[in-house]
Protein backbone atom coordinates (compact mmCIF):
# COMPACT_ATOMS: atom_id res chain seq x y z
CA MET A 1 62.46 119.11 -123.85
CA VAL A 2 59.93 116.27 -124.05
CA ALA A 3 56.99 118.70 -124.22
CA LEU A 4 58.72 120.81 -126.87
CA ASP A 5 59.44 117.74 -129.01
CA ALA A 6 55.84 116.54 -128.67
CA PHE A 7 54.48 119.96 -129.71
CA GLN A 8 56.76 120.08 -132.75
CA LYS A 9 55.70 116.54 -133.75
CA ASN A 10 51.98 117.40 -133.35
CA GLY A 11 51.63 115.26 -130.22
CA TYR A 12 49.39 117.93 -128.73
CA PHE A 13 48.15 121.39 -129.48
CA ILE A 14 47.29 124.45 -127.46
CA LEU A 15 44.04 126.40 -127.65
CA ILE A 16 43.98 129.96 -126.39
CA ASP A 17 40.44 131.33 -126.25
CA ASN A 18 39.43 128.61 -128.75
CA LYS A 19 42.15 129.56 -131.27
CA GLN A 20 45.01 127.18 -131.97
CA ALA A 21 48.49 128.44 -131.11
CA GLU A 22 50.72 128.02 -134.14
CA ASP A 23 54.05 128.53 -132.40
CA LEU A 24 55.35 128.35 -128.84
CA GLU A 25 57.03 131.73 -129.33
CA GLN A 26 53.68 133.37 -130.10
CA GLU A 27 52.89 136.33 -127.85
CA VAL A 28 49.51 136.22 -126.14
CA LEU A 29 47.63 138.84 -124.16
CA VAL A 30 46.39 137.10 -121.02
CA SER A 31 43.50 138.46 -118.99
CA LYS A 32 41.33 137.15 -116.18
CA THR A 33 39.00 135.58 -118.75
CA THR A 34 41.64 133.96 -120.98
CA GLU A 35 41.11 130.21 -121.36
CA ILE A 36 44.00 127.92 -122.29
CA ALA A 37 43.62 124.23 -123.12
CA PHE A 38 46.28 121.62 -123.87
CA VAL A 39 44.87 118.89 -126.11
CA LYS A 40 46.81 115.65 -126.47
CA LEU A 41 46.28 113.74 -129.69
CA THR A 42 45.97 109.95 -129.56
CA GLN A 43 45.56 107.38 -132.29
CA LEU A 44 42.32 105.49 -132.52
CA VAL A 45 42.63 101.72 -132.39
CA GLY A 46 40.28 99.37 -134.14
CA GLY A 47 38.87 98.59 -137.50
């Protein structure tokens, strides 16, 4: 549930073959060359 909440609150996003997944229910064709990346977003600190 923590990961789902974070995804819905834009805490991270998922790239599938360099395209952003819009929804966790999205169907994806996976092959041997499919690349998936989970990118966590963090706030920058400073002035």
